[in-house]
């Protein structure tokens, strides 16, 4: 053993001696201790403080001035333009707003329907 080990052993022995001063004996632990009924005073005091706090809170909430609603902004449908809306303005967007009918191409491509035939 080195001196350092002896120092550590002494520290642990001192700690054990301090702890053993308040640790009950094994016989006393086995015998148990008589059970006293717990005092209800702290519980009643806590309940009264909680009740008083709830009453104060209820009175404070009830007596506060009514909040004035902010002025509402009137907006019409389609009036709002977001900064990124320009990305949706693409060439041919008018064709995206219509529903095609089966068998007719002039509904989707009005410029091609007007030419009638291929011009290669």
N, C-alpha and C. Protein backbone atom coordinates (compact mmCIF):
# COMPACT_ATOMS: atom_id res chain seq x y z
N UNK A 1 0.82 -1.17 0.00
CA UNK A 1 0.00 0.00 0.00
C UNK A 1 0.88 1.24 0.00
N UNK A 2 0.38 2.22 -0.67
CA UNK A 2 1.12 3.48 -0.72
C UNK A 2 0.51 4.45 0.30
N UNK A 3 1.17 5.57 0.43
CA UNK A 3 0.66 6.58 1.35
C UNK A 3 -0.70 7.12 0.88
N UNK A 4 -0.84 7.22 -0.41
CA UNK A 4 -2.10 7.73 -0.96
C UNK A 4 -3.25 6.79 -0.61
N UNK A 5 -3.02 5.47 -0.70
CA UNK A 5 -4.05 4.51 -0.33
C UNK A 5 -4.41 4.62 1.14
N UNK A 6 -3.42 4.83 1.98
CA UNK A 6 -3.67 4.98 3.41
C UNK A 6 -4.49 6.25 3.68
N UNK A 7 -4.21 7.31 2.95
CA UNK A 7 -4.98 8.55 3.12
C UNK A 7 -6.44 8.35 2.72
N UNK A 8 -6.64 7.66 1.62
CA UNK A 8 -8.00 7.40 1.16
C UNK A 8 -8.74 6.52 2.16
N UNK A 9 -8.06 5.50 2.69
CA UNK A 9 -8.68 4.61 3.68
C UNK A 9 -9.09 5.41 4.92
N UNK A 10 -8.23 6.33 5.36
CA UNK A 10 -8.53 7.15 6.53
C UNK A 10 -9.74 8.06 6.27
N UNK A 11 -9.83 8.61 5.08
CA UNK A 11 -10.97 9.47 4.74
C UNK A 11 -12.27 8.66 4.80
N UNK A 12 -12.26 7.45 4.24
CA UNK A 12 -13.45 6.62 4.27
C UNK A 12 -13.80 6.19 5.70
N UNK A 13 -12.81 5.89 6.52
CA UNK A 13 -13.09 5.52 7.90
C UNK A 13 -13.71 6.68 8.68
N UNK A 14 -13.21 7.87 8.44
CA UNK A 14 -13.79 9.05 9.10
C UNK A 14 -15.23 9.26 8.65
N UNK A 15 -15.49 9.09 7.37
CA UNK A 15 -16.85 9.26 6.86
C UNK A 15 -17.77 8.20 7.46
N UNK A 16 -17.30 6.97 7.59
CA UNK A 16 -18.10 5.90 8.18
C UNK A 16 -18.40 6.20 9.65
N UNK A 17 -17.43 6.74 10.37
CA UNK A 17 -17.61 7.08 11.78
C UNK A 17 -18.66 8.19 11.93
N UNK A 18 -18.62 9.19 11.06
CA UNK A 18 -19.60 10.28 11.12
C UNK A 18 -21.00 9.75 10.82
N UNK A 19 -21.12 8.90 9.82
CA UNK A 19 -22.44 8.34 9.46
C UNK A 19 -22.98 7.43 10.55
N UNK A 20 -22.12 6.67 11.19
CA UNK A 20 -22.60 5.72 12.19
C UNK A 20 -23.15 6.43 13.42
N UNK A 21 -22.88 7.71 13.59
CA UNK A 21 -23.40 8.44 14.74
C UNK A 21 -24.92 8.61 14.64
N UNK A 22 -25.45 8.73 13.46
CA UNK A 22 -26.90 8.94 13.34
C UNK A 22 -27.65 7.75 12.77
N UNK A 23 -26.95 6.68 12.43
CA UNK A 23 -27.61 5.47 11.92
C UNK A 23 -28.11 4.66 13.10
N UNK A 24 -29.39 4.26 13.11
CA UNK A 24 -29.92 3.47 14.23
C UNK A 24 -29.35 2.05 14.22
N UNK A 25 -29.42 1.43 15.36
CA UNK A 25 -28.91 0.05 15.45
C UNK A 25 -29.86 -0.89 14.73
N UNK A 26 -29.36 -2.08 14.42
CA UNK A 26 -30.16 -3.06 13.71
C UNK A 26 -31.36 -3.49 14.54
N UNK A 27 -31.16 -3.67 15.85
CA UNK A 27 -32.26 -4.09 16.72
C UNK A 27 -33.37 -3.03 16.74
N UNK A 28 -32.99 -1.77 16.76
CA UNK A 28 -33.99 -0.72 16.79
C UNK A 28 -34.76 -0.67 15.46
N UNK A 29 -34.08 -0.94 14.37
CA UNK A 29 -34.74 -0.96 13.08
C UNK A 29 -35.72 -2.12 13.01
N UNK A 30 -35.29 -3.29 13.51
CA UNK A 30 -36.17 -4.46 13.48
C UNK A 30 -37.38 -4.27 14.38
N UNK A 31 -37.20 -3.62 15.51
CA UNK A 31 -38.31 -3.41 16.43
C UNK A 31 -39.31 -2.41 15.84
N UNK A 32 -38.83 -1.57 15.00
CA UNK A 32 -39.69 -0.57 14.40
C UNK A 32 -39.94 0.56 15.37
N UNK A 33 -40.60 1.56 14.90
CA UNK A 33 -40.90 2.67 15.80
C UNK A 33 -42.40 2.82 15.83
N UNK A 34 -42.88 3.32 16.89
CA UNK A 34 -44.32 3.46 16.98
C UNK A 34 -44.76 4.55 16.01
N UNK A 35 -45.88 4.29 15.45
CA UNK A 35 -46.39 5.18 14.42
C UNK A 35 -47.29 6.23 15.06
N UNK A 36 -46.94 7.48 14.86
CA UNK A 36 -47.78 8.57 15.35
C UNK A 36 -48.66 9.02 14.20
N UNK A 37 -49.89 9.37 14.51
CA UNK A 37 -50.72 9.91 13.44
C UNK A 37 -50.15 11.24 12.98
N UNK A 38 -50.11 11.41 11.69
CA UNK A 38 -49.55 12.62 11.12
C UNK A 38 -50.44 13.81 11.44
N UNK A 39 -49.83 14.91 11.69
CA UNK A 39 -50.57 16.13 11.99
C UNK A 39 -51.21 16.66 10.71
N UNK A 40 -52.44 17.09 10.82
CA UNK A 40 -53.16 17.59 9.65
C UNK A 40 -53.04 19.10 9.52
N UNK A 41 -52.37 19.73 10.42
CA UNK A 41 -52.26 21.18 10.37
C UNK A 41 -51.59 21.69 9.09
N UNK A 42 -50.47 21.11 8.67
CA UNK A 42 -49.88 21.62 7.42
C UNK A 42 -50.79 21.42 6.21
N UNK A 43 -51.51 20.31 6.19
CA UNK A 43 -52.43 20.06 5.08
C UNK A 43 -53.58 21.06 5.06
N UNK A 44 -54.13 21.35 6.23
CA UNK A 44 -55.22 22.32 6.31
C UNK A 44 -54.70 23.72 5.95
N UNK A 45 -53.52 24.06 6.41
CA UNK A 45 -52.95 25.37 6.09
C UNK A 45 -52.71 25.51 4.58
N UNK A 46 -52.19 24.46 3.96
CA UNK A 46 -51.96 24.50 2.51
C UNK A 46 -53.28 24.62 1.76
N UNK A 47 -54.31 23.93 2.22
CA UNK A 47 -55.62 24.02 1.57
C UNK A 47 -56.20 25.42 1.69
N UNK A 48 -56.05 26.05 2.86
CA UNK A 48 -56.56 27.41 3.04
C UNK A 48 -55.81 28.41 2.18
N UNK A 49 -54.50 28.27 2.09
CA UNK A 49 -53.71 29.17 1.25
C UNK A 49 -54.10 29.00 -0.22
N UNK A 50 -54.32 27.78 -0.66
CA UNK A 50 -54.72 27.52 -2.04
C UNK A 50 -56.10 28.11 -2.32
N UNK A 51 -57.01 27.93 -1.39
CA UNK A 51 -58.36 28.47 -1.55
C UNK A 51 -58.33 30.00 -1.60
N UNK A 52 -57.56 30.61 -0.73
CA UNK A 52 -57.45 32.08 -0.73
C UNK A 52 -56.85 32.57 -2.04
N UNK A 53 -55.85 31.87 -2.53
CA UNK A 53 -55.25 32.25 -3.81
C UNK A 53 -56.24 32.13 -4.95
N UNK A 54 -57.06 31.09 -4.93
CA UNK A 54 -58.05 30.91 -5.99
C UNK A 54 -59.10 32.02 -5.95
N UNK A 55 -59.50 32.42 -4.75
CA UNK A 55 -60.48 33.51 -4.62
C UNK A 55 -59.89 34.81 -5.13
N UNK A 56 -58.65 35.11 -4.77
CA UNK A 56 -58.00 36.34 -5.23
C UNK A 56 -57.87 36.33 -6.74
N UNK A 57 -57.50 35.21 -7.31
CA UNK A 57 -57.35 35.10 -8.76
C UNK A 57 -58.70 35.27 -9.46
N UNK A 58 -59.75 34.68 -8.91
CA UNK A 58 -61.08 34.80 -9.52
C UNK A 58 -61.55 36.25 -9.49
N UNK A 59 -61.33 36.95 -8.38
CA UNK A 59 -61.73 38.34 -8.28
C UNK A 59 -60.92 39.20 -9.25
N UNK A 60 -59.64 38.93 -9.36
CA UNK A 60 -58.79 39.71 -10.26
C UNK A 60 -59.20 39.51 -11.72
N UNK A 61 -59.52 38.28 -12.09
CA UNK A 61 -59.92 38.00 -13.48
C UNK A 61 -61.28 38.61 -13.77
N UNK A 62 -62.17 38.55 -12.83
CA UNK A 62 -63.52 39.06 -13.04
C UNK A 62 -63.55 40.58 -13.13
N UNK A 63 -62.68 41.27 -12.41
CA UNK A 63 -62.72 42.73 -12.35
C UNK A 63 -61.77 43.42 -13.33
N UNK A 64 -61.09 42.69 -14.14
CA UNK A 64 -60.19 43.35 -15.09
C UNK A 64 -61.02 43.97 -16.22
N UNK A 65 -60.53 45.06 -16.79
CA UNK A 65 -61.28 45.72 -17.86
C UNK A 65 -61.35 44.83 -19.10
N UNK A 66 -62.44 44.95 -19.80
CA UNK A 66 -62.63 44.14 -21.01
C UNK A 66 -61.64 44.56 -22.07
N UNK A 67 -61.08 43.62 -22.75
CA UNK A 67 -60.12 43.91 -23.81
C UNK A 67 -60.86 44.43 -25.03
N UNK A 68 -60.36 45.51 -25.58
CA UNK A 68 -60.97 46.09 -26.77
C UNK A 68 -60.45 45.32 -27.98
N UNK A 69 -61.35 44.76 -28.79
CA UNK A 69 -60.87 44.00 -29.94
C UNK A 69 -60.21 44.94 -30.95
N UNK A 70 -59.16 44.50 -31.59
CA UNK A 70 -58.52 45.33 -32.60
C UNK A 70 -59.44 45.51 -33.80
N UNK A 71 -59.20 46.56 -34.55
CA UNK A 71 -60.01 46.79 -35.74
C UNK A 71 -59.78 45.66 -36.73
N UNK A 72 -60.87 45.18 -37.27
CA UNK A 72 -60.77 44.09 -38.22
C UNK A 72 -60.43 44.64 -39.60
N UNK A 73 -59.63 43.91 -40.31
CA UNK A 73 -59.25 44.30 -41.66
C UNK A 73 -60.22 43.63 -42.62
N UNK A 74 -60.85 44.42 -43.44
CA UNK A 74 -61.79 43.86 -44.42
C UNK A 74 -61.00 43.56 -45.69
N UNK A 75 -61.10 42.32 -46.12
CA UNK A 75 -60.41 41.92 -47.34
C UNK A 75 -61.40 41.20 -48.24
N UNK A 76 -61.28 41.44 -49.50
CA UNK A 76 -62.10 40.76 -50.48
C UNK A 76 -61.36 39.52 -50.96
N UNK A 77 -62.12 38.61 -51.54
CA UNK A 77 -61.52 37.39 -52.07
C UNK A 77 -60.59 37.77 -53.22
N UNK A 78 -59.40 37.27 -53.20
CA UNK A 78 -58.44 37.52 -54.27
C UNK A 78 -57.68 38.82 -54.11
N UNK A 79 -57.88 39.52 -53.04
CA UNK A 79 -57.21 40.80 -52.84
C UNK A 79 -55.81 40.62 -52.28
N UNK A 80 -55.58 39.58 -51.56
CA UNK A 80 -54.30 39.37 -50.91
C UNK A 80 -53.28 38.84 -51.91
N UNK A 81 -52.15 39.52 -52.00
CA UNK A 81 -51.05 39.06 -52.86
C UNK A 81 -49.83 38.84 -51.99
N UNK A 82 -49.32 37.66 -52.04
CA UNK A 82 -48.13 37.34 -51.28
C UNK A 82 -46.90 37.68 -52.11
N UNK A 83 -45.76 37.89 -51.46
CA UNK A 83 -44.54 38.23 -52.21
C UNK A 83 -44.10 37.15 -53.18
N UNK A 84 -44.49 35.91 -52.94
CA UNK A 84 -44.06 34.82 -53.82
C UNK A 84 -45.10 34.49 -54.90
N UNK A 85 -46.17 35.27 -55.00
CA UNK A 85 -47.21 34.97 -55.97
C UNK A 85 -46.72 35.10 -57.41
N UNK A 86 -45.67 35.87 -57.66
CA UNK A 86 -45.17 36.00 -59.02
C UNK A 86 -44.68 34.67 -59.56
N UNK A 87 -44.34 33.73 -58.67
CA UNK A 87 -43.88 32.41 -59.13
C UNK A 87 -45.02 31.62 -59.75
N UNK A 88 -46.25 31.95 -59.40
CA UNK A 88 -47.39 31.24 -59.95
C UNK A 88 -47.86 31.81 -61.29
N UNK A 89 -47.37 33.00 -61.65
CA UNK A 89 -47.74 33.61 -62.93
C UNK A 89 -46.83 33.04 -64.03
N UNK A 90 -47.22 31.92 -64.58
CA UNK A 90 -46.42 31.26 -65.60
C UNK A 90 -47.09 31.40 -66.97
N UNK A 91 -46.32 31.19 -68.01
CA UNK A 91 -46.85 31.24 -69.36
C UNK A 91 -47.86 30.11 -69.54
N UNK A 92 -49.03 30.41 -70.01
CA UNK A 92 -50.06 29.41 -70.22
C UNK A 92 -50.90 29.14 -69.00
N UNK A 93 -50.86 30.03 -68.01
CA UNK A 93 -51.63 29.83 -66.78
C UNK A 93 -53.13 29.86 -67.05
N UNK A 94 -53.54 30.52 -68.13
CA UNK A 94 -54.97 30.56 -68.43
C UNK A 94 -55.50 29.18 -68.78
N UNK A 95 -54.65 28.30 -69.30
CA UNK A 95 -55.10 26.93 -69.59
C UNK A 95 -55.27 26.12 -68.31
N UNK A 96 -54.58 26.52 -67.29
CA UNK A 96 -54.71 25.80 -66.02
C UNK A 96 -56.01 26.14 -65.30
N UNK A 97 -56.66 27.23 -65.68
CA UNK A 97 -57.90 27.64 -65.02
C UNK A 97 -59.13 27.02 -65.66
N UNK A 98 -58.97 26.29 -66.74
CA UNK A 98 -60.12 25.71 -67.42
C UNK A 98 -60.06 24.19 -67.36
N UNK A 99 -61.19 23.58 -67.55
CA UNK A 99 -61.27 22.13 -67.56
C UNK A 99 -61.42 21.69 -69.01
N UNK A 100 -60.56 20.82 -69.49
CA UNK A 100 -60.64 20.41 -70.90
C UNK A 100 -61.82 19.47 -71.15
N UNK A 101 -62.32 19.50 -72.34
CA UNK A 101 -63.35 18.54 -72.73
C UNK A 101 -62.69 17.49 -73.61
N UNK A 102 -63.13 16.28 -73.48
CA UNK A 102 -62.52 15.18 -74.22
C UNK A 102 -62.91 15.31 -75.68
N UNK A 103 -61.90 15.23 -76.55
CA UNK A 103 -62.14 15.28 -77.98
C UNK A 103 -61.94 16.66 -78.59
N UNK A 104 -61.75 17.69 -77.79
CA UNK A 104 -61.54 19.03 -78.33
C UNK A 104 -60.18 19.52 -77.88
N UNK A 105 -59.36 19.95 -78.79
CA UNK A 105 -58.04 20.46 -78.44
C UNK A 105 -58.03 21.98 -78.36
N UNK A 106 -59.04 22.65 -78.90
CA UNK A 106 -59.03 24.11 -78.88
C UNK A 106 -59.26 24.66 -77.47
N UNK A 107 -59.74 23.80 -76.58
CA UNK A 107 -59.94 24.23 -75.21
C UNK A 107 -58.60 24.41 -74.50
N UNK A 108 -57.64 23.56 -74.87
CA UNK A 108 -56.34 23.62 -74.22
C UNK A 108 -55.35 24.49 -74.98
N UNK A 109 -55.38 24.41 -76.25
CA UNK A 109 -54.40 25.15 -77.05
C UNK A 109 -55.13 26.02 -78.06
N UNK A 110 -55.63 27.17 -77.65
CA UNK A 110 -56.42 27.99 -78.57
C UNK A 110 -55.59 28.50 -79.74
N UNK A 111 -54.31 28.74 -79.57
CA UNK A 111 -53.50 29.25 -80.67
C UNK A 111 -53.32 28.17 -81.73
N UNK A 112 -53.18 26.91 -81.37
CA UNK A 112 -52.99 25.85 -82.34
C UNK A 112 -54.30 25.49 -83.02
N UNK A 113 -55.42 25.63 -82.33
CA UNK A 113 -56.70 25.30 -82.91
C UNK A 113 -57.07 26.29 -84.03
N UNK A 114 -56.58 27.49 -83.96
CA UNK A 114 -56.89 28.51 -84.96
C UNK A 114 -56.12 28.26 -86.27
N UNK A 115 -55.02 27.56 -86.24
CA UNK A 115 -54.21 27.34 -87.45
C UNK A 115 -54.74 26.24 -88.31
N UNK A 116 -55.44 25.24 -87.78
CA UNK A 116 -56.01 24.13 -88.53
C UNK A 116 -54.98 23.46 -89.42
N UNK A 117 -54.25 22.57 -88.89
CA UNK A 117 -53.32 21.82 -89.71
C UNK A 117 -51.89 22.12 -89.28
N UNK A 118 -50.99 21.35 -89.85
CA UNK A 118 -49.59 21.47 -89.47
C UNK A 118 -48.86 22.32 -90.48
N UNK A 119 -48.02 23.17 -90.00
CA UNK A 119 -47.20 24.02 -90.85
C UNK A 119 -45.73 23.76 -90.58
N UNK A 120 -45.24 22.64 -91.00
CA UNK A 120 -43.84 22.33 -90.76
C UNK A 120 -43.03 22.74 -91.90
